Amino acid sequence: KFQLETLFYIFYALPKDVLQAYAAQELYTREWRYHVESKVWFKRATASDGIPNNNASAGQFIYFDINTWERRMYGN
């Protein structure tokens, strides 16, 4: 299995490639969801995500920021 950052790299660096589809499928399996309009991957925040100020009980989400290449809380 690839690391999460590797899957995001494959997805964003190889548009219209079969590898992009495989990366997207694996991200989906890991409970990430792609927002087509904003072109960003989101996931419901859990305690195991290791994101500071994570309050998973409030139904918060994290997203993968392609500018900083890290996971961030949505709305912060």
PDB file of N, CA and C in Angstrom:
ATOM      1  N   LYS A   1       0.833  -1.193   0.000  1.00  0.00           N
ATOM      2  CA  LYS A   1       0.000   0.000   0.000  1.00  0.00           C
ATOM      3  C   LYS A   1       0.871   1.247   0.000  1.00  0.00           C
ATOM      4  N   PHE A   2       0.405   2.219  -0.729  1.00  0.00           N
ATOM      5  CA  PHE A   2       1.116   3.496  -0.799  1.00  0.00           C
ATOM      6  C   PHE A   2       0.738   4.385   0.382  1.00  0.00           C
ATOM      7  N   GLN A   3       1.638   5.300   0.715  1.00  0.00           N
ATOM      8  CA  GLN A   3       1.320   6.306   1.716  1.00  0.00           C
ATOM      9  C   GLN A   3       0.287   7.259   1.125  1.00  0.00           C
ATOM     10  N   LEU A   4      -0.425   7.921   2.001  1.00  0.00           N
ATOM     11  CA  LEU A   4      -1.481   8.835   1.581  1.00  0.00           C
ATOM     12  C   LEU A   4      -0.956   9.925   0.648  1.00  0.00           C
ATOM     13  N   GLU A   5       0.170  10.521   0.998  1.00  0.00           N
ATOM     14  CA  GLU A   5       0.742  11.596   0.180  1.00  0.00           C
ATOM     15  C   GLU A   5       1.113  11.099  -1.214  1.00  0.00           C
ATOM     16  N   THR A   6       1.555   9.856  -1.305  1.00  0.00           N
ATOM     17  CA  THR A   6       1.889   9.274  -2.607  1.00  0.00           C
ATOM     18  C   THR A   6       0.646   9.139  -3.471  1.00  0.00           C
ATOM     19  N   LEU A   7      -0.448   8.716  -2.877  1.00  0.00           N
ATOM     20  CA  LEU A   7      -1.698   8.596  -3.628  1.00  0.00           C
ATOM     21  C   LEU A   7      -2.178   9.952  -4.134  1.00  0.00           C
ATOM     22  N   PHE A   8      -2.063  10.965  -3.293  1.00  0.00           N
ATOM     23  CA  PHE A   8      -2.445  12.307  -3.738  1.00  0.00           C
ATOM     24  C   PHE A   8      -1.531  12.785  -4.865  1.00  0.00           C
ATOM     25  N   TYR A   9      -0.246  12.499  -4.765  1.00  0.00           N
ATOM     26  CA  TYR A   9       0.686  12.889  -5.824  1.00  0.00           C
ATOM     27  C   TYR A   9       0.287  12.229  -7.145  1.00  0.00           C
ATOM     28  N   ILE A  10       0.033  10.937  -7.108  1.00  0.00           N
ATOM     29  CA  ILE A  10      -0.366  10.223  -8.325  1.00  0.00           C
ATOM     30  C   ILE A  10      -1.646  10.825  -8.889  1.00  0.00           C
ATOM     31  N   PHE A  11      -2.614  11.093  -8.019  1.00  0.00           N
ATOM     32  CA  PHE A  11      -3.888  11.634  -8.483  1.00  0.00           C
ATOM     33  C   PHE A  11      -3.724  12.982  -9.172  1.00  0.00           C
ATOM     34  N   TYR A  12      -2.982  13.894  -8.553  1.00  0.00           N
ATOM     35  CA  TYR A  12      -2.861  15.249  -9.097  1.00  0.00           C
ATOM     36  C   TYR A  12      -1.815  15.367 -10.205  1.00  0.00           C
ATOM     37  N   ALA A  13      -0.789  14.524 -10.198  1.00  0.00           N
ATOM     38  CA  ALA A  13       0.296  14.647 -11.177  1.00  0.00           C
ATOM     39  C   ALA A  13       0.031  13.889 -12.471  1.00  0.00           C
ATOM     40  N   LEU A  14      -0.890  12.941 -12.448  1.00  0.00           N
ATOM     41  CA  LEU A  14      -1.126  12.113 -13.626  1.00  0.00           C
ATOM     42  C   LEU A  14      -2.581  12.184 -14.090  1.00  0.00           C
ATOM     43  N   PRO A  15      -3.033  13.375 -14.494  1.00  0.00           N
ATOM     44  CA  PRO A  15      -4.426  13.481 -14.937  1.00  0.00           C
ATOM     45  C   PRO A  15      -4.685  12.645 -16.188  1.00  0.00           C
ATOM     46  N   LYS A  16      -5.862  12.066 -16.240  1.00  0.00           N
ATOM     47  CA  LYS A  16      -6.314  11.259 -17.379  1.00  0.00           C
ATOM     48  C   LYS A  16      -5.471  10.009 -17.590  1.00  0.00           C
ATOM     49  N   ASP A  17      -4.755   9.578 -16.570  1.00  0.00           N
ATOM     50  CA  ASP A  17      -3.955   8.361 -16.637  1.00  0.00           C
ATOM     51  C   ASP A  17      -4.675   7.270 -15.848  1.00  0.00           C
ATOM     52  N   VAL A  18      -4.461   6.029 -16.232  1.00  0.00           N
ATOM     53  CA  VAL A  18      -5.084   4.926 -15.507  1.00  0.00           C
ATOM     54  C   VAL A  18      -4.609   4.896 -14.053  1.00  0.00           C
ATOM     55  N   LEU A  19      -3.383   5.333 -13.803  1.00  0.00           N
ATOM     56  CA  LEU A  19      -2.880   5.377 -12.428  1.00  0.00           C
ATOM     57  C   LEU A  19      -3.655   6.375 -11.573  1.00  0.00           C
ATOM     58  N   GLN A  20      -4.136   7.450 -12.198  1.00  0.00           N
ATOM     59  CA  GLN A  20      -4.961   8.410 -11.467  1.00  0.00           C
ATOM     60  C   GLN A  20      -6.238   7.724 -10.980  1.00  0.00           C
ATOM     61  N   ALA A  21      -6.817   6.915 -11.822  1.00  0.00           N
ATOM     62  CA  ALA A  21      -8.036   6.199 -11.444  1.00  0.00           C
ATOM     63  C   ALA A  21      -7.768   5.207 -10.316  1.00  0.00           C
ATOM     64  N   TYR A  22      -6.634   4.528 -10.374  1.00  0.00           N
ATOM     65  CA  TYR A  22      -6.280   3.593  -9.300  1.00  0.00           C
ATOM     66  C   TYR A  22      -6.050   4.329  -7.981  1.00  0.00           C
ATOM     67  N   ALA A  23      -5.375   5.473  -8.041  1.00  0.00           N
ATOM     68  CA  ALA A  23      -5.142   6.271  -6.833  1.00  0.00           C
ATOM     69  C   ALA A  23      -6.472   6.752  -6.258  1.00  0.00           C
ATOM     70  N   ALA A  24      -7.364   7.218  -7.120  1.00  0.00           N
ATOM     71  CA  ALA A  24      -8.678   7.681  -6.667  1.00  0.00           C
ATOM     72  C   ALA A  24      -9.458   6.544  -6.015  1.00  0.00           C
ATOM     73  N   GLN A  25      -9.374   5.367  -6.584  1.00  0.00           N
ATOM     74  CA  GLN A  25     -10.070   4.213  -6.017  1.00  0.00           C
ATOM     75  C   GLN A  25      -9.536   3.878  -4.621  1.00  0.00           C
ATOM     76  N   GLU A  26      -8.226   3.920  -4.449  1.00  0.00           N
ATOM     77  CA  GLU A  26      -7.635   3.635  -3.143  1.00  0.00           C
ATOM     78  C   GLU A  26      -7.990   4.722  -2.126  1.00  0.00           C
ATOM     79  N   LEU A  27      -7.982   5.986  -2.555  1.00  0.00           N
ATOM     80  CA  LEU A  27      -8.381   7.068  -1.656  1.00  0.00           C
ATOM     81  C   LEU A  27      -9.836   6.888  -1.220  1.00  0.00           C
ATOM     82  N   TYR A  28     -10.677   6.502  -2.143  1.00  0.00           N
ATOM     83  CA  TYR A  28     -12.082   6.268  -1.824  1.00  0.00           C
ATOM     84  C   TYR A  28     -12.216   5.132  -0.813  1.00  0.00           C
ATOM     85  N   THR A  29     -11.423   4.079  -0.998  1.00  0.00           N
ATOM     86  CA  THR A  29     -11.420   2.953  -0.064  1.00  0.00           C
ATOM     87  C   THR A  29     -11.014   3.407   1.336  1.00  0.00           C
ATOM     88  N   ARG A  30     -10.128   4.396   1.401  1.00  0.00           N
ATOM     89  CA  ARG A  30      -9.672   4.937   2.689  1.00  0.00           C
ATOM     90  C   ARG A  30     -10.599   6.041   3.216  1.00  0.00           C
ATOM     91  N   GLU A  31     -11.792   6.115   2.651  1.00  0.00           N
ATOM     92  CA  GLU A  31     -12.868   7.019   3.082  1.00  0.00           C
ATOM     93  C   GLU A  31     -12.660   8.480   2.711  1.00  0.00           C
ATOM     94  N   TRP A  32     -11.823   8.751   1.716  1.00  0.00           N
ATOM     95  CA  TRP A  32     -11.685  10.105   1.195  1.00  0.00           C
ATOM     96  C   TRP A  32     -12.698  10.268   0.075  1.00  0.00           C
ATOM     97  N   ARG A  33     -13.269  11.459  -0.044  1.00  0.00           N
ATOM     98  CA  ARG A  33     -14.251  11.748  -1.089  1.00  0.00           C
ATOM     99  C   ARG A  33     -13.810  12.991  -1.854  1.00  0.00           C
ATOM    100  N   TYR A  34     -13.912  12.920  -3.181  1.00  0.00           N
ATOM    101  CA  TYR A  34     -13.470  14.018  -4.040  1.00  0.00           C
ATOM    102  C   TYR A  34     -14.635  14.945  -4.334  1.00  0.00           C
ATOM    103  N   HIS A  35     -14.424  16.235  -4.093  1.00  0.00           N
ATOM    104  CA  HIS A  35     -15.432  17.249  -4.406  1.00  0.00           C
ATOM    105  C   HIS A  35     -15.102  17.794  -5.794  1.00  0.00           C
ATOM    106  N   VAL A  36     -15.938  17.485  -6.760  1.00  0.00           N
ATOM    107  CA  VAL A  36     -15.653  17.798  -8.161  1.00  0.00           C
ATOM    108  C   VAL A  36     -15.558  19.299  -8.407  1.00  0.00           C
ATOM    109  N   GLU A  37     -16.458  20.083  -7.828  1.00  0.00           N
ATOM    110  CA  GLU A  37     -16.454  21.525  -8.084  1.00  0.00           C
ATOM    111  C   GLU A  37     -15.227  22.218  -7.504  1.00  0.00           C
ATOM    112  N   SER A  38     -14.856  21.854  -6.281  1.00  0.00           N
ATOM    113  CA  SER A  38     -13.691  22.501  -5.659  1.00  0.00           C
ATOM    114  C   SER A  38     -12.390  21.762  -5.942  1.00  0.00           C
ATOM    115  N   LYS A  39     -12.490  20.565  -6.518  1.00  0.00           N
ATOM    116  CA  LYS A  39     -11.323  19.748  -6.891  1.00  0.00           C
ATOM    117  C   LYS A  39     -10.415  19.469  -5.688  1.00  0.00           C
ATOM    118  N   VAL A  40     -11.059  19.087  -4.588  1.00  0.00           N
ATOM    119  CA  VAL A  40     -10.351  18.821  -3.337  1.00  0.00           C
ATOM    120  C   VAL A  40     -10.880  17.520  -2.743  1.00  0.00           C
ATOM    121  N   TRP A  41      -9.983  16.781  -2.096  1.00  0.00           N
ATOM    122  CA  TRP A  41     -10.357  15.559  -1.390  1.00  0.00           C
ATOM    123  C   TRP A  41     -10.717  15.888   0.055  1.00  0.00           C
ATOM    124  N   PHE A  42     -11.846  15.344   0.539  1.00  0.00           N
ATOM    125  CA  PHE A  42     -12.320  15.532   1.908  1.00  0.00           C
ATOM    126  C   PHE A  42     -12.484  14.184   2.594  1.00  0.00           C
ATOM    127  N   LYS A  43     -12.413  14.218   3.922  1.00  0.00           N
ATOM    128  CA  LYS A  43     -12.629  13.022   4.731  1.00  0.00           C
ATOM    129  C   LYS A  43     -13.185  13.462   6.076  1.00  0.00           C
ATOM    130  N   ARG A  44     -14.109  12.683   6.619  1.00  0.00           N
ATOM    131  CA  ARG A  44     -14.621  12.981   7.962  1.00  0.00           C
ATOM    132  C   ARG A  44     -13.480  12.803   8.955  1.00  0.00           C
ATOM    133  N   ALA A  45     -13.287  13.784   9.827  1.00  0.00           N
ATOM    134  CA  ALA A  45     -12.188  13.759  10.792  1.00  0.00           C
ATOM    135  C   ALA A  45     -12.430  12.692  11.855  1.00  0.00           C
ATOM    136  N   THR A  46     -11.366  11.962  12.168  1.00  0.00           N
ATOM    137  CA  THR A  46     -11.403  10.981  13.250  1.00  0.00           C
ATOM    138  C   THR A  46     -10.211  11.231  14.162  1.00  0.00           C
ATOM    139  N   ALA A  47     -10.250  10.662  15.340  1.00  0.00           N
ATOM    140  CA  ALA A  47      -9.159  10.847  16.303  1.00  0.00           C
ATOM    141  C   ALA A  47      -7.837  10.304  15.765  1.00  0.00           C
ATOM    142  N   SER A  48      -7.882   9.304  14.904  1.00  0.00           N
ATOM    143  CA  SER A  48      -6.655   8.694  14.383  1.00  0.00           C
ATOM    144  C   SER A  48      -5.998   9.505  13.268  1.00  0.00           C
ATOM    145  N   ASP A  49      -6.624  10.593  12.840  1.00  0.00           N
ATOM    146  CA  ASP A  49      -6.056  11.392  11.751  1.00  0.00           C
ATOM    147  C   ASP A  49      -4.861  12.229  12.189  1.00  0.00           C
ATOM    148  N   GLY A  50      -4.712  12.462  13.484  1.00  0.00           N
ATOM    149  CA  GLY A  50      -3.563  13.205  13.988  1.00  0.00           C
ATOM    150  C   GLY A  50      -3.552  14.671  13.620  1.00  0.00           C
ATOM    151  N   ILE A  51      -4.720  15.252  13.431  1.00  0.00           N
ATOM    152  CA  ILE A  51      -4.822  16.668  13.095  1.00  0.00           C
ATOM    153  C   ILE A  51      -5.038  17.451  14.388  1.00  0.00           C
ATOM    154  N   PRO A  52      -4.234  18.481  14.655  1.00  0.00           N
ATOM    155  CA  PRO A  52      -4.440  19.286  15.869  1.00  0.00           C
ATOM    156  C   PRO A  52      -5.837  19.912  15.902  1.00  0.00           C
ATOM    157  N   ASN A  53      -6.372  20.093  17.097  1.00  0.00           N
ATOM    158  CA  ASN A  53      -7.709  20.676  17.300  1.00  0.00           C
ATOM    159  C   ASN A  53      -8.803  19.836  16.660  1.00  0.00           C
ATOM    160  N   ASN A  54      -8.580  18.534  16.621  1.00  0.00           N
ATOM    161  CA  ASN A  54      -9.560  17.633  16.014  1.00  0.00           C
ATOM    162  C   ASN A  54     -10.685  17.345  16.999  1.00  0.00           C
ATOM    163  N   ASN A  55     -11.905  17.653  16.606  1.00  0.00           N
ATOM    164  CA  ASN A  55     -13.081  17.346  17.417  1.00  0.00           C
ATOM    165  C   ASN A  55     -14.014  16.515  16.557  1.00  0.00           C
ATOM    166  N   ALA A  56     -13.700  15.228  16.448  1.00  0.00           N
ATOM    167  CA  ALA A  56     -14.422  14.352  15.536  1.00  0.00           C
ATOM    168  C   ALA A  56     -15.901  14.239  15.891  1.00  0.00           C
ATOM    169  N   SER A  57     -16.246  14.424  17.149  1.00  0.00           N
ATOM    170  CA  SER A  57     -17.643  14.289  17.545  1.00  0.00           C
ATOM    171  C   SER A  57     -18.516  15.394  16.961  1.00  0.00           C
ATOM    172  N   ALA A  58     -17.916  16.488  16.546  1.00  0.00           N
ATOM    173  CA  ALA A  58     -18.677  17.600  15.977  1.00  0.00           C
ATOM    174  C   ALA A  58     -18.933  17.413  14.486  1.00  0.00           C
ATOM    175  N   GLY A  59     -18.501  16.295  13.915  1.00  0.00           N
ATOM    176  CA  GLY A  59     -18.719  16.045  12.499  1.00  0.00           C
ATOM    177  C   GLY A  59     -17.857  16.903  11.602  1.00  0.00           C
ATOM    178  N   GLN A  60     -16.646  17.208  12.036  1.00  0.00           N
ATOM    179  CA  GLN A  60     -15.753  18.033  11.236  1.00  0.00           C
ATOM    180  C   GLN A  60     -15.094  17.204  10.135  1.00  0.00           C
ATOM    181  N   PHE A  61     -14.568  17.923   9.153  1.00  0.00           N
ATOM    182  CA  PHE A  61     -13.915  17.281   8.028  1.00  0.00           C
ATOM    183  C   PHE A  61     -12.489  17.779   7.895  1.00  0.00           C
ATOM    184  N   ILE A  62     -11.662  16.937   7.290  1.00  0.00           N
ATOM    185  CA  ILE A  62     -10.318  17.349   6.912  1.00  0.00           C
ATOM    186  C   ILE A  62     -10.236  17.313   5.394  1.00  0.00           C
ATOM    187  N   TYR A  63      -9.316  18.063   4.848  1.00  0.00           N
ATOM    188  CA  TYR A  63      -9.103  18.054   3.407  1.00  0.00           C
ATOM    189  C   TYR A  63      -7.607  18.029   3.142  1.00  0.00           C
ATOM    190  N   PHE A  64      -7.253  17.616   1.936  1.00  0.00           N
ATOM    191  CA  PHE A  64      -5.849  17.599   1.562  1.00  0.00           C
ATOM    192  C   PHE A  64      -5.550  18.876   0.795  1.00  0.00           C
ATOM    193  N   ASP A  65      -4.678  19.706   1.367  1.00  0.00           N
ATOM    194  CA  ASP A  65      -4.296  20.991   0.777  1.00  0.00           C
ATOM    195  C   ASP A  65      -3.125  20.764  -0.177  1.00  0.00           C
ATOM    196  N   ILE A  66      -3.373  20.916  -1.475  1.00  0.00           N
ATOM    197  CA  ILE A  66      -2.305  20.656  -2.445  1.00  0.00           C
ATOM    198  C   ILE A  66      -1.254  21.762  -2.464  1.00  0.00           C
ATOM    199  N   ASN A  67      -1.560  22.924  -1.902  1.00  0.00           N
ATOM    200  CA  ASN A  67      -0.577  24.012  -1.861  1.00  0.00           C
ATOM    201  C   ASN A  67       0.482  23.791  -0.786  1.00  0.00           C
ATOM    202  N   THR A  68       0.081  23.235   0.342  1.00  0.00           N
ATOM    203  CA  THR A  68       1.028  22.973   1.430  1.00  0.00           C
ATOM    204  C   THR A  68       1.368  21.491   1.545  1.00  0.00           C
ATOM    205  N   TRP A  69       0.667  20.669   0.791  1.00  0.00           N
ATOM    206  CA  TRP A  69       0.862  19.221   0.740  1.00  0.00           C
ATOM    207  C   TRP A  69       0.688  18.581   2.118  1.00  0.00           C
ATOM    208  N   GLU A  70      -0.433  18.967   2.782  1.00  0.00           N
ATOM    209  CA  GLU A  70      -0.736  18.388   4.082  1.00  0.00           C
ATOM    210  C   GLU A  70      -2.239  18.356   4.315  1.00  0.00           C
ATOM    211  N   ARG A  71      -2.640  17.554   5.283  1.00  0.00           N
ATOM    212  CA  ARG A  71      -4.049  17.473   5.670  1.00  0.00           C
ATOM    213  C   ARG A  71      -4.353  18.610   6.633  1.00  0.00           C
ATOM    214  N   ARG A  72      -5.520  19.231   6.445  1.00  0.00           N
ATOM    215  CA  ARG A  72      -5.926  20.359   7.289  1.00  0.00           C
ATOM    216  C   ARG A  72      -7.392  20.209   7.661  1.00  0.00           C
ATOM    217  N   MET A  73      -7.737  20.836   8.783  1.00  0.00           N
ATOM    218  CA  MET A  73      -9.143  20.869   9.177  1.00  0.00           C
ATOM    219  C   MET A  73      -9.885  21.807   8.226  1.00  0.00           C
ATOM    220  N   TYR A  74     -11.059  21.398   7.796  1.00  0.00           N
ATOM    221  CA  TYR A  74     -11.865  22.235   6.917  1.00  0.00           C
ATOM    222  C   TYR A  74     -12.521  23.333   7.742  1.00  0.00           C
ATOM    223  N   GLY A  75     -12.403  24.568   7.283  1.00  0.00           N
ATOM    224  CA  GLY A  75     -13.025  25.699   7.949  1.00  0.00           C
ATOM    225  C   GLY A  75     -12.124  26.411   8.930  1.00  0.00           C
ATOM    226  N   ASN A  76     -10.910  25.917   9.130  1.00  0.00           N
ATOM    227  CA  ASN A  76      -9.964  26.586  10.047  1.00  0.00           C
ATOM    228  C   ASN A  76      -8.990  27.432   9.273  1.00  0.00           C
TER     229      ASN A  76
END
